[in-house]
Amino acid sequence: MNSTDPDRKPDIDAAETGDAAANSAQDAPPEAERARYEQLYDRFTERARELFDAGQEKSKEAMEKAMETAREQLAAAEEFSAERGEAFKAFMRRDLDQTAQEMRELGQEARDRLNPSRLGAGALSSMARLLDVTGAALQNLSRKAENALHYNTGEITAAGTLTCTRCGQKVHLKRSSHIPPCPGCHGTQFRKSY
């Protein structure tokens, strides 16, 4: 798609307008365009993952670099605008933060299940060091991610279950999709689980 095409509709989402509540279902892009953006988001995340996997460094900075390179490549190929690519990066960053939050919760569950009285002294010592380092890293990451875990109407996210922060209504997404307003209270903020 050529970003200078006069017939091209501008890329608009809640993050760009700053007013998620103003983006009602009737203001959403037409269904075909929405589906195209959802497919492009999947393509973007897959390309970023490929770039990350191909690199030797495995850090948050390496993932940021992979996302930026994927955005640049797909924007240069005129698959989407630079602005849409920035929105996709924000959506992917938010989805990764949600995954980190869930891993932190899983780490806590593992600590609860791996009761020290069940392990021998040598294994206990090794396990304790491993869990301490891993737990501290996950807790630090989850604290940073906590503020980024809000999902708003109009944004795109990967498959999962969104829970309205206002009324608790659950919205189940079976694939990458634009987030609709809450069907129960028309709320625009959600938390996500997979």
N, C-alpha and C. Protein backbone atom coordinates (compact mmCIF):
# COMPACT_ATOMS: atom_id res chain seq x y z
N MET A 1 0.85 -1.17 0.00
CA MET A 1 0.00 0.00 0.00
C MET A 1 0.89 1.22 0.00
N ASN A 2 0.63 2.19 -0.84
CA ASN A 2 1.41 3.40 -0.93
C ASN A 2 0.88 4.41 0.07
N SER A 3 1.75 4.89 0.98
CA SER A 3 1.31 5.81 2.02
C SER A 3 1.00 7.20 1.49
N THR A 4 1.35 7.50 0.21
CA THR A 4 1.02 8.79 -0.38
C THR A 4 -0.21 8.71 -1.26
N ASP A 5 -0.86 7.57 -1.33
CA ASP A 5 -2.06 7.35 -2.12
C ASP A 5 -3.18 8.26 -1.62
N PRO A 6 -3.74 9.16 -2.47
CA PRO A 6 -4.78 10.07 -2.00
C PRO A 6 -6.06 9.36 -1.60
N ASP A 7 -6.30 8.14 -2.09
CA ASP A 7 -7.51 7.40 -1.73
C ASP A 7 -7.35 6.63 -0.42
N ARG A 8 -6.14 6.62 0.12
CA ARG A 8 -5.87 5.86 1.34
C ARG A 8 -6.48 6.57 2.54
N LYS A 9 -7.19 5.79 3.35
CA LYS A 9 -7.75 6.35 4.58
C LYS A 9 -6.65 6.44 5.62
N PRO A 10 -6.66 7.48 6.47
CA PRO A 10 -5.61 7.60 7.48
C PRO A 10 -5.74 6.49 8.52
N ASP A 11 -4.58 6.09 9.08
CA ASP A 11 -4.57 5.10 10.15
C ASP A 11 -4.94 5.81 11.45
N ILE A 12 -6.04 5.41 12.05
CA ILE A 12 -6.49 6.05 13.29
C ILE A 12 -6.81 4.95 14.28
N ASP A 13 -6.35 5.14 15.52
CA ASP A 13 -6.76 4.24 16.59
C ASP A 13 -6.82 5.03 17.88
N ALA A 14 -7.26 4.39 18.95
CA ALA A 14 -7.46 5.08 20.22
C ALA A 14 -6.17 5.69 20.73
N ALA A 15 -5.05 5.02 20.54
CA ALA A 15 -3.78 5.54 21.04
C ALA A 15 -3.40 6.83 20.33
N GLU A 16 -3.74 6.95 19.05
CA GLU A 16 -3.37 8.14 18.30
C GLU A 16 -4.28 9.32 18.63
N THR A 17 -5.55 9.07 18.91
CA THR A 17 -6.46 10.17 19.19
C THR A 17 -6.39 10.59 20.64
N GLY A 18 -5.91 9.69 21.51
CA GLY A 18 -5.83 10.00 22.92
C GLY A 18 -7.17 9.90 23.62
N ASP A 19 -8.22 9.51 22.93
CA ASP A 19 -9.54 9.44 23.54
C ASP A 19 -10.19 8.13 23.16
N ALA A 20 -9.89 7.09 23.93
CA ALA A 20 -10.41 5.76 23.62
C ALA A 20 -11.93 5.73 23.67
N ALA A 21 -12.54 6.50 24.57
CA ALA A 21 -13.99 6.48 24.71
C ALA A 21 -14.68 7.03 23.47
N ALA A 22 -14.00 7.93 22.76
CA ALA A 22 -14.61 8.53 21.58
C ALA A 22 -14.64 7.57 20.40
N ASN A 23 -13.84 6.52 20.46
CA ASN A 23 -13.79 5.56 19.36
C ASN A 23 -14.82 4.47 19.58
N SER A 24 -16.04 4.72 19.21
CA SER A 24 -17.10 3.72 19.37
C SER A 24 -17.05 2.74 18.22
N ALA A 25 -17.87 1.72 18.30
CA ALA A 25 -17.91 0.68 17.26
C ALA A 25 -18.21 1.29 15.90
N GLN A 26 -19.06 2.33 15.87
CA GLN A 26 -19.40 2.92 14.58
C GLN A 26 -18.25 3.73 13.98
N ASP A 27 -17.25 4.16 14.80
CA ASP A 27 -16.11 4.90 14.30
C ASP A 27 -14.97 3.97 13.86
N ALA A 28 -15.12 2.68 14.10
CA ALA A 28 -14.08 1.71 13.77
C ALA A 28 -13.93 1.59 12.26
N PRO A 29 -12.74 1.18 11.80
CA PRO A 29 -12.55 1.00 10.36
C PRO A 29 -13.51 -0.05 9.82
N PRO A 30 -13.80 0.00 8.53
CA PRO A 30 -14.66 -1.03 7.95
C PRO A 30 -14.09 -2.42 8.22
N GLU A 31 -14.94 -3.41 8.22
CA GLU A 31 -14.55 -4.78 8.60
C GLU A 31 -13.36 -5.29 7.78
N ALA A 32 -13.34 -5.06 6.49
CA ALA A 32 -12.24 -5.54 5.66
C ALA A 32 -10.93 -4.87 6.05
N GLU A 33 -10.98 -3.59 6.34
CA GLU A 33 -9.78 -2.86 6.75
C GLU A 33 -9.31 -3.32 8.13
N ARG A 34 -10.26 -3.55 9.02
CA ARG A 34 -9.93 -4.06 10.36
C ARG A 34 -9.23 -5.42 10.24
N ALA A 35 -9.79 -6.30 9.42
CA ALA A 35 -9.20 -7.63 9.24
C ALA A 35 -7.78 -7.51 8.65
N ARG A 36 -7.60 -6.57 7.73
CA ARG A 36 -6.28 -6.35 7.12
C ARG A 36 -5.28 -5.90 8.18
N TYR A 37 -5.68 -4.96 9.05
CA TYR A 37 -4.80 -4.50 10.12
C TYR A 37 -4.45 -5.64 11.08
N GLU A 38 -5.43 -6.48 11.37
CA GLU A 38 -5.18 -7.61 12.27
C GLU A 38 -4.19 -8.58 11.64
N GLN A 39 -4.33 -8.83 10.33
CA GLN A 39 -3.38 -9.70 9.63
C GLN A 39 -1.99 -9.06 9.58
N LEU A 40 -1.95 -7.75 9.37
CA LEU A 40 -0.66 -7.05 9.36
C LEU A 40 0.00 -7.09 10.73
N TYR A 41 -0.80 -7.00 11.78
CA TYR A 41 -0.24 -7.11 13.14
C TYR A 41 0.38 -8.49 13.33
N ASP A 42 -0.31 -9.53 12.90
CA ASP A 42 0.25 -10.88 12.99
C ASP A 42 1.54 -10.98 12.18
N ARG A 43 1.55 -10.39 10.99
CA ARG A 43 2.75 -10.41 10.15
C ARG A 43 3.90 -9.65 10.83
N PHE A 44 3.59 -8.51 11.41
CA PHE A 44 4.59 -7.71 12.12
C PHE A 44 5.18 -8.50 13.30
N THR A 45 4.31 -9.10 14.12
CA THR A 45 4.80 -9.84 15.29
C THR A 45 5.64 -11.05 14.86
N GLU A 46 5.23 -11.72 13.80
CA GLU A 46 5.99 -12.87 13.30
C GLU A 46 7.35 -12.42 12.80
N ARG A 47 7.42 -11.32 12.07
CA ARG A 47 8.70 -10.82 11.56
C ARG A 47 9.61 -10.39 12.70
N ALA A 48 9.05 -9.72 13.70
CA ALA A 48 9.84 -9.30 14.87
C ALA A 48 10.39 -10.54 15.60
N ARG A 49 9.57 -11.58 15.73
CA ARG A 49 10.01 -12.81 16.39
C ARG A 49 11.13 -13.47 15.59
N GLU A 50 11.00 -13.51 14.26
CA GLU A 50 12.04 -14.10 13.42
C GLU A 50 13.36 -13.35 13.59
N LEU A 51 13.29 -12.03 13.59
CA LEU A 51 14.50 -11.22 13.75
C LEU A 51 15.12 -11.44 15.13
N PHE A 52 14.28 -11.50 16.15
CA PHE A 52 14.77 -11.73 17.51
C PHE A 52 15.43 -13.10 17.62
N ASP A 53 14.77 -14.12 17.07
CA ASP A 53 15.31 -15.49 17.12
C ASP A 53 16.63 -15.60 16.36
N ALA A 54 16.79 -14.84 15.28
CA ALA A 54 18.00 -14.89 14.47
C ALA A 54 19.18 -14.22 15.16
N GLY A 55 18.92 -13.30 16.07
CA GLY A 55 19.99 -12.60 16.77
C GLY A 55 20.56 -13.43 17.90
N GLN A 56 21.78 -13.09 18.31
CA GLN A 56 22.42 -13.82 19.40
C GLN A 56 22.00 -13.27 20.75
N GLU A 57 21.80 -11.97 20.84
CA GLU A 57 21.43 -11.36 22.12
C GLU A 57 19.96 -11.61 22.39
N LYS A 58 19.66 -11.99 23.62
CA LYS A 58 18.27 -12.24 24.03
C LYS A 58 17.97 -11.36 25.23
N SER A 59 17.60 -10.11 24.95
CA SER A 59 17.30 -9.15 26.00
C SER A 59 16.12 -8.29 25.56
N LYS A 60 15.65 -7.47 26.48
CA LYS A 60 14.56 -6.56 26.15
C LYS A 60 15.00 -5.60 25.04
N GLU A 61 16.24 -5.15 25.12
CA GLU A 61 16.77 -4.24 24.09
C GLU A 61 16.83 -4.93 22.72
N ALA A 62 17.19 -6.21 22.72
CA ALA A 62 17.24 -6.96 21.46
C ALA A 62 15.83 -7.11 20.88
N MET A 63 14.83 -7.32 21.73
CA MET A 63 13.45 -7.41 21.25
C MET A 63 12.99 -6.06 20.70
N GLU A 64 13.33 -4.98 21.39
CA GLU A 64 12.99 -3.64 20.89
C GLU A 64 13.61 -3.39 19.52
N LYS A 65 14.87 -3.80 19.36
CA LYS A 65 15.56 -3.64 18.08
C LYS A 65 14.87 -4.47 17.00
N ALA A 66 14.49 -5.71 17.33
CA ALA A 66 13.81 -6.57 16.37
C ALA A 66 12.47 -5.96 15.95
N MET A 67 11.73 -5.40 16.91
CA MET A 67 10.45 -4.78 16.59
C MET A 67 10.66 -3.55 15.69
N GLU A 68 11.67 -2.75 15.99
CA GLU A 68 11.93 -1.56 15.18
C GLU A 68 12.36 -1.96 13.76
N THR A 69 13.21 -2.98 13.65
CA THR A 69 13.64 -3.44 12.32
C THR A 69 12.46 -4.00 11.54
N ALA A 70 11.60 -4.77 12.18
CA ALA A 70 10.40 -5.29 11.51
C ALA A 70 9.51 -4.14 11.05
N ARG A 71 9.34 -3.13 11.91
CA ARG A 71 8.52 -1.97 11.54
C ARG A 71 9.13 -1.26 10.32
N GLU A 72 10.43 -1.04 10.36
CA GLU A 72 11.10 -0.36 9.25
C GLU A 72 10.97 -1.15 7.95
N GLN A 73 11.19 -2.46 8.02
CA GLN A 73 11.13 -3.30 6.82
C GLN A 73 9.72 -3.30 6.22
N LEU A 74 8.72 -3.50 7.05
CA LEU A 74 7.35 -3.58 6.53
C LEU A 74 6.84 -2.22 6.08
N ALA A 75 7.27 -1.14 6.74
CA ALA A 75 6.90 0.20 6.29
C ALA A 75 7.59 0.52 4.97
N ALA A 76 8.87 0.13 4.83
CA ALA A 76 9.60 0.37 3.58
C ALA A 76 8.97 -0.40 2.43
N ALA A 77 8.44 -1.58 2.73
CA ALA A 77 7.76 -2.39 1.71
C ALA A 77 6.33 -1.89 1.48
N GLU A 78 5.98 -0.81 2.14
CA GLU A 78 4.67 -0.17 2.03
C GLU A 78 3.53 -1.10 2.42
N GLU A 79 3.81 -1.99 3.38
CA GLU A 79 2.76 -2.86 3.92
C GLU A 79 1.84 -2.06 4.85
N PHE A 80 2.44 -1.07 5.55
CA PHE A 80 1.67 -0.17 6.40
C PHE A 80 2.48 1.10 6.61
N SER A 81 1.83 2.12 7.17
CA SER A 81 2.49 3.41 7.40
C SER A 81 3.44 3.31 8.59
N ALA A 82 4.35 4.26 8.69
CA ALA A 82 5.27 4.30 9.83
C ALA A 82 4.48 4.48 11.12
N GLU A 83 3.42 5.26 11.08
CA GLU A 83 2.59 5.49 12.27
C GLU A 83 1.89 4.20 12.71
N ARG A 84 1.38 3.45 11.74
CA ARG A 84 0.72 2.18 12.07
C ARG A 84 1.75 1.22 12.66
N GLY A 85 2.97 1.23 12.11
CA GLY A 85 4.03 0.40 12.65
C GLY A 85 4.36 0.76 14.10
N GLU A 86 4.36 2.03 14.42
CA GLU A 86 4.59 2.45 15.81
C GLU A 86 3.48 1.94 16.71
N ALA A 87 2.25 2.01 16.22
CA ALA A 87 1.12 1.48 17.02
C ALA A 87 1.28 -0.02 17.21
N PHE A 88 1.68 -0.75 16.16
CA PHE A 88 1.89 -2.19 16.27
C PHE A 88 2.98 -2.50 17.30
N LYS A 89 4.06 -1.69 17.30
CA LYS A 89 5.11 -1.89 18.29
C LYS A 89 4.56 -1.72 19.70
N ALA A 90 3.74 -0.71 19.90
CA ALA A 90 3.16 -0.48 21.23
C ALA A 90 2.25 -1.65 21.62
N PHE A 91 1.46 -2.15 20.67
CA PHE A 91 0.58 -3.29 20.97
C PHE A 91 1.41 -4.52 21.33
N MET A 92 2.48 -4.78 20.56
CA MET A 92 3.31 -5.96 20.82
C MET A 92 4.02 -5.83 22.16
N ARG A 93 4.52 -4.63 22.45
CA ARG A 93 5.20 -4.39 23.72
C ARG A 93 4.23 -4.68 24.88
N ARG A 94 2.99 -4.23 24.73
CA ARG A 94 1.97 -4.46 25.75
C ARG A 94 1.68 -5.96 25.90
N ASP A 95 1.57 -6.67 24.77
CA ASP A 95 1.32 -8.11 24.82
C ASP A 95 2.49 -8.85 25.49
N LEU A 96 3.73 -8.43 25.21
CA LEU A 96 4.89 -9.04 25.85
C LEU A 96 4.90 -8.76 27.35
N ASP A 97 4.51 -7.54 27.72
CA ASP A 97 4.44 -7.20 29.14
C ASP A 97 3.41 -8.07 29.86
N GLN A 98 2.30 -8.34 29.19
CA GLN A 98 1.28 -9.22 29.78
C GLN A 98 1.84 -10.62 29.98
N THR A 99 2.58 -11.11 29.02
CA THR A 99 3.19 -12.43 29.14
C THR A 99 4.17 -12.46 30.32
N ALA A 100 4.95 -11.40 30.48
CA ALA A 100 5.89 -11.32 31.61
C ALA A 100 5.14 -11.35 32.94
N GLN A 101 4.01 -10.64 33.00
CA GLN A 101 3.20 -10.64 34.21
C GLN A 101 2.73 -12.05 34.53
N GLU A 102 2.27 -12.76 33.53
CA GLU A 102 1.79 -14.12 33.76
C GLU A 102 2.93 -15.05 34.15
N MET A 103 4.13 -14.82 33.60
CA MET A 103 5.28 -15.62 33.99
C MET A 103 5.65 -15.36 35.45
N ARG A 104 5.51 -14.13 35.89
CA ARG A 104 5.78 -13.81 37.29
C ARG A 104 4.83 -14.59 38.20
N GLU A 105 3.56 -14.60 37.81
CA GLU A 105 2.58 -15.34 38.59
C GLU A 105 2.90 -16.83 38.59
N LEU A 106 3.34 -17.34 37.45
CA LEU A 106 3.74 -18.74 37.36
C LEU A 106 4.95 -19.02 38.24
N GLY A 107 5.91 -18.07 38.27
CA GLY A 107 7.08 -18.21 39.13
C GLY A 107 6.69 -18.29 40.60
N GLN A 108 5.71 -17.50 41.00
CA GLN A 108 5.23 -17.55 42.38
C GLN A 108 4.59 -18.91 42.67
N GLU A 109 3.82 -19.41 41.72
CA GLU A 109 3.19 -20.72 41.89
C GLU A 109 4.27 -21.81 42.01
N ALA A 110 5.32 -21.71 41.19
CA ALA A 110 6.41 -22.69 41.25
C ALA A 110 7.08 -22.64 42.62
N ARG A 111 7.31 -21.43 43.16
CA ARG A 111 7.91 -21.31 44.48
C ARG A 111 7.04 -21.97 45.54
N ASP A 112 5.73 -21.79 45.40
CA ASP A 112 4.80 -22.39 46.36
C ASP A 112 4.82 -23.91 46.28
N ARG A 113 4.94 -24.45 45.07
CA ARG A 113 4.90 -25.90 44.87
C ARG A 113 6.22 -26.59 45.20
N LEU A 114 7.31 -25.88 45.00
CA LEU A 114 8.63 -26.47 45.28
C LEU A 114 8.99 -26.22 46.74
N ASN A 115 8.28 -26.85 47.60
CA ASN A 115 8.48 -26.72 49.03
C ASN A 115 9.87 -27.22 49.39
N PRO A 116 10.68 -26.41 50.10
CA PRO A 116 12.05 -26.80 50.44
C PRO A 116 12.15 -28.13 51.19
N SER A 117 11.14 -28.51 51.94
CA SER A 117 11.22 -29.76 52.69
C SER A 117 11.20 -30.99 51.78
N ARG A 118 10.87 -30.80 50.52
CA ARG A 118 10.81 -31.92 49.57
C ARG A 118 12.14 -32.17 48.86
N LEU A 119 13.06 -31.25 48.96
CA LEU A 119 14.31 -31.36 48.19
C LEU A 119 15.50 -31.67 49.09
N GLY A 120 16.49 -32.37 48.55
CA GLY A 120 17.72 -32.63 49.28
C GLY A 120 18.53 -31.35 49.42
N ALA A 121 19.53 -31.34 50.32
CA ALA A 121 20.30 -30.13 50.62
C ALA A 121 21.01 -29.56 49.39
N GLY A 122 21.69 -30.40 48.60
CA GLY A 122 22.40 -29.89 47.42
C GLY A 122 21.45 -29.34 46.38
N ALA A 123 20.41 -30.11 46.09
CA ALA A 123 19.42 -29.65 45.12
C ALA A 123 18.72 -28.41 45.63
N LEU A 124 18.45 -28.37 46.92
CA LEU A 124 17.78 -27.22 47.52
C LEU A 124 18.62 -25.96 47.37
N SER A 125 19.91 -26.07 47.62
CA SER A 125 20.80 -24.92 47.50
C SER A 125 20.84 -24.41 46.06
N SER A 126 21.00 -25.31 45.11
CA SER A 126 21.02 -24.91 43.70
C SER A 126 19.69 -24.30 43.27
N MET A 127 18.61 -24.96 43.66
CA MET A 127 17.28 -24.48 43.30
C MET A 127 17.02 -23.12 43.93
N ALA A 128 17.44 -22.92 45.17
CA ALA A 128 17.22 -21.65 45.85
C ALA A 128 17.93 -20.51 45.12
N ARG A 129 19.17 -20.73 44.72
CA ARG A 129 19.90 -19.69 43.99
C ARG A 129 19.22 -19.39 42.66
N LEU A 130 18.84 -20.43 41.95
CA LEU A 130 18.18 -20.26 40.65
C LEU A 130 16.85 -19.51 40.81
N LEU A 131 16.05 -19.93 41.77
CA LEU A 131 14.75 -19.28 41.98
C LEU A 131 14.92 -17.84 42.45
N ASP A 132 15.92 -17.58 43.27
CA ASP A 132 16.14 -16.23 43.76
C ASP A 132 16.48 -15.28 42.62
N VAL A 133 17.41 -15.69 41.78
CA VAL A 133 17.80 -14.85 40.64
C VAL A 133 16.65 -14.69 39.66
N THR A 134 16.01 -15.80 39.32
CA THR A 134 14.90 -15.76 38.37
C THR A 134 13.73 -14.97 38.93
N GLY A 135 13.41 -15.22 40.20
CA GLY A 135 12.29 -14.52 40.82
C GLY A 135 12.50 -13.01 40.88
N ALA A 136 13.71 -12.60 41.25
CA ALA A 136 14.00 -11.17 41.32
C ALA A 136 13.88 -10.53 39.94
N ALA A 137 14.39 -11.19 38.92
CA ALA A 137 14.31 -10.65 37.56
C ALA A 137 12.86 -10.56 37.10
N LEU A 138 12.09 -11.60 37.36
CA LEU A 138 10.68 -11.58 36.95
C LEU A 138 9.87 -10.55 37.73
N GLN A 139 10.15 -10.39 39.02
CA GLN A 139 9.43 -9.39 39.80
C GLN A 139 9.74 -7.99 39.31
N ASN A 140 10.99 -7.72 39.00
CA ASN A 140 11.37 -6.41 38.49
C ASN A 140 10.67 -6.14 37.16
N LEU A 141 10.68 -7.13 36.28
CA LEU A 141 10.03 -6.98 34.99
C LEU A 141 8.52 -6.80 35.15
N SER A 142 7.92 -7.54 36.05
CA SER A 142 6.47 -7.45 36.22
C SER A 142 6.06 -6.11 36.81
N ARG A 143 6.87 -5.55 37.70
CA ARG A 143 6.54 -4.22 38.24
C ARG A 143 6.52 -3.19 37.12
N LYS A 144 7.50 -3.28 36.24
CA LYS A 144 7.55 -2.34 35.12
C LYS A 144 6.37 -2.56 34.17
N ALA A 145 5.98 -3.82 34.01
CA ALA A 145 4.92 -4.15 33.07
C ALA A 145 3.53 -3.82 33.60
N GLU A 146 3.38 -3.79 34.91
CA GLU A 146 2.04 -3.62 35.50
C GLU A 146 1.31 -2.40 34.93
N ASN A 147 2.02 -1.30 34.80
CA ASN A 147 1.37 -0.08 34.29
C ASN A 147 1.06 -0.16 32.80
N ALA A 148 1.71 -1.05 32.08
CA ALA A 148 1.50 -1.15 30.63
C ALA A 148 0.48 -2.22 30.26
N LEU A 149 -0.21 -2.78 31.23
CA LEU A 149 -1.09 -3.90 30.96
C LEU A 149 -2.54 -3.51 30.70
N HIS A 150 -2.79 -2.26 30.50
CA HIS A 150 -4.15 -1.83 30.20
C HIS A 150 -4.37 -1.94 28.69
N TYR A 151 -5.46 -2.52 28.34
CA TYR A 151 -5.85 -2.69 26.94
C TYR A 151 -7.06 -1.79 26.71
N ASN A 152 -7.05 -1.05 25.61
CA ASN A 152 -8.10 -0.08 25.34
C ASN A 152 -8.88 -0.41 24.07
N THR A 153 -10.15 -0.06 24.08
CA THR A 153 -10.99 -0.20 22.90
C THR A 153 -10.32 0.50 21.73
N GLY A 154 -10.33 -0.17 20.58
CA GLY A 154 -9.74 0.39 19.36
C GLY A 154 -8.35 -0.11 19.08
N GLU A 155 -7.64 -0.61 20.10
CA GLU A 155 -6.31 -1.15 19.90
C GLU A 155 -6.42 -2.57 19.34
N ILE A 156 -5.31 -3.10 18.82
CA ILE A 156 -5.26 -4.47 18.34
C ILE A 156 -4.49 -5.28 19.37
N THR A 157 -4.94 -6.50 19.61
CA THR A 157 -4.22 -7.40 20.50
C THR A 157 -4.31 -8.82 19.97
N ALA A 158 -3.42 -9.66 20.46
CA ALA A 158 -3.43 -11.07 20.10
C ALA A 158 -4.59 -11.77 20.79
N ALA A 159 -4.84 -13.01 20.40
CA ALA A 159 -5.94 -13.79 20.97
C ALA A 159 -5.82 -13.88 22.48
N GLY A 160 -6.96 -13.95 23.14
CA GLY A 160 -6.98 -14.07 24.60
C GLY A 160 -8.31 -13.61 25.14
N THR A 161 -8.40 -13.53 26.46
CA THR A 161 -9.61 -13.10 27.13
C THR A 161 -9.35 -11.75 27.80
N LEU A 162 -10.18 -10.78 27.46
CA LEU A 162 -10.09 -9.46 28.06
C LEU A 162 -11.19 -9.34 29.12
N THR A 163 -10.87 -8.72 30.25
CA THR A 163 -11.85 -8.50 31.31
C THR A 163 -12.00 -7.00 31.49
N CYS A 164 -13.23 -6.52 31.40
CA CYS A 164 -13.52 -5.10 31.56
C CYS A 164 -13.15 -4.68 32.98
N THR A 165 -12.40 -3.59 33.11
CA THR A 165 -12.00 -3.11 34.43
C THR A 165 -13.15 -2.43 35.15
N ARG A 166 -14.20 -2.06 34.42
CA ARG A 166 -15.34 -1.40 35.05
C ARG A 166 -16.35 -2.39 35.61
N CYS A 167 -16.74 -3.40 34.80
CA CYS A 167 -17.83 -4.28 35.23
C CYS A 167 -17.44 -5.75 35.34
N GLY A 168 -16.25 -6.12 34.88
CA GLY A 168 -15.81 -7.50 34.97
C GLY A 168 -16.26 -8.41 33.84
N GLN A 169 -16.99 -7.89 32.87
CA GLN A 169 -17.45 -8.67 31.71
C GLN A 169 -16.24 -9.18 30.94
N LYS A 170 -16.28 -10.42 30.49
CA LYS A 170 -15.18 -11.01 29.73
C LYS A 170 -15.49 -10.96 28.23
N VAL A 171 -14.47 -10.62 27.45
CA VAL A 171 -14.56 -10.60 25.99
C VAL A 171 -13.49 -11.58 25.49
N HIS A 172 -13.92 -12.60 24.76
CA HIS A 172 -13.00 -13.64 24.27
C HIS A 172 -12.63 -13.36 22.82
N LEU A 173 -11.32 -13.22 22.57
CA LEU A 173 -10.81 -13.00 21.22
C LEU A 173 -10.11 -14.28 20.78
N LYS A 174 -10.54 -14.86 19.66
CA LYS A 174 -9.99 -16.11 19.18
C LYS A 174 -8.79 -15.90 18.26
N ARG A 175 -8.54 -14.65 17.85
CA ARG A 175 -7.41 -14.31 16.98
C ARG A 175 -7.05 -12.85 17.23
N SER A 176 -5.99 -12.37 16.62
CA SER A 176 -5.65 -10.97 16.75
C SER A 176 -6.83 -10.14 16.26
N SER A 177 -7.24 -9.19 17.06
CA SER A 177 -8.44 -8.41 16.75
C SER A 177 -8.36 -7.01 17.33
N HIS A 178 -9.18 -6.12 16.77
CA HIS A 178 -9.38 -4.82 17.40
C HIS A 178 -10.20 -5.07 18.67
N ILE A 179 -9.92 -4.33 19.69
CA ILE A 179 -10.64 -4.49 20.96
C ILE A 179 -11.93 -3.70 20.88
N PRO A 180 -13.07 -4.38 21.06
CA PRO A 180 -14.36 -3.68 21.02
C PRO A 180 -14.68 -3.05 22.38
N PRO A 181 -15.67 -2.16 22.43
CA PRO A 181 -16.12 -1.69 23.75
C PRO A 181 -16.73 -2.86 24.51
N CYS A 182 -16.77 -2.76 25.81
CA CYS A 182 -17.35 -3.82 26.64
C CYS A 182 -18.82 -4.00 26.27
N PRO A 183 -19.25 -5.24 26.01
CA PRO A 183 -20.65 -5.47 25.66
C PRO A 183 -21.59 -5.27 26.85
N GLY A 184 -21.04 -5.29 28.08
CA GLY A 184 -21.89 -5.13 29.26
C GLY A 184 -22.12 -3.68 29.64
N CYS A 185 -21.03 -2.88 29.70
CA CYS A 185 -21.16 -1.50 30.20
C CYS A 185 -20.60 -0.47 29.23
N HIS A 186 -20.11 -0.90 28.07
CA HIS A 186 -19.49 -0.03 27.06
C HIS A 186 -18.19 0.59 27.56
N GLY A 187 -17.59 -0.04 28.58
CA GLY A 187 -16.30 0.41 29.08
C GLY A 187 -15.23 0.25 28.02
N THR A 188 -14.12 0.95 28.19
CA THR A 188 -13.07 0.95 27.17
C THR A 188 -11.72 0.48 27.69
N GLN A 189 -11.63 0.07 28.96
CA GLN A 189 -10.36 -0.43 29.49
C GLN A 189 -10.52 -1.87 29.95
N PHE A 190 -9.49 -2.68 29.64
CA PHE A 190 -9.53 -4.11 29.92
C PHE A 190 -8.20 -4.57 30.49
N ARG A 191 -8.21 -5.73 31.14
CA ARG A 191 -7.03 -6.49 31.52
C ARG A 191 -7.11 -7.79 30.72
N LYS A 192 -5.99 -8.45 30.51
CA LYS A 192 -5.98 -9.61 29.61
C LYS A 192 -5.43 -10.84 30.29
N SER A 193 -6.00 -11.99 29.89
CA SER A 193 -5.45 -13.28 30.25
C SER A 193 -5.52 -14.16 29.01
N TYR A 194 -4.76 -15.25 28.99
CA TYR A 194 -4.71 -16.10 27.80
C TYR A 194 -5.43 -17.39 28.04
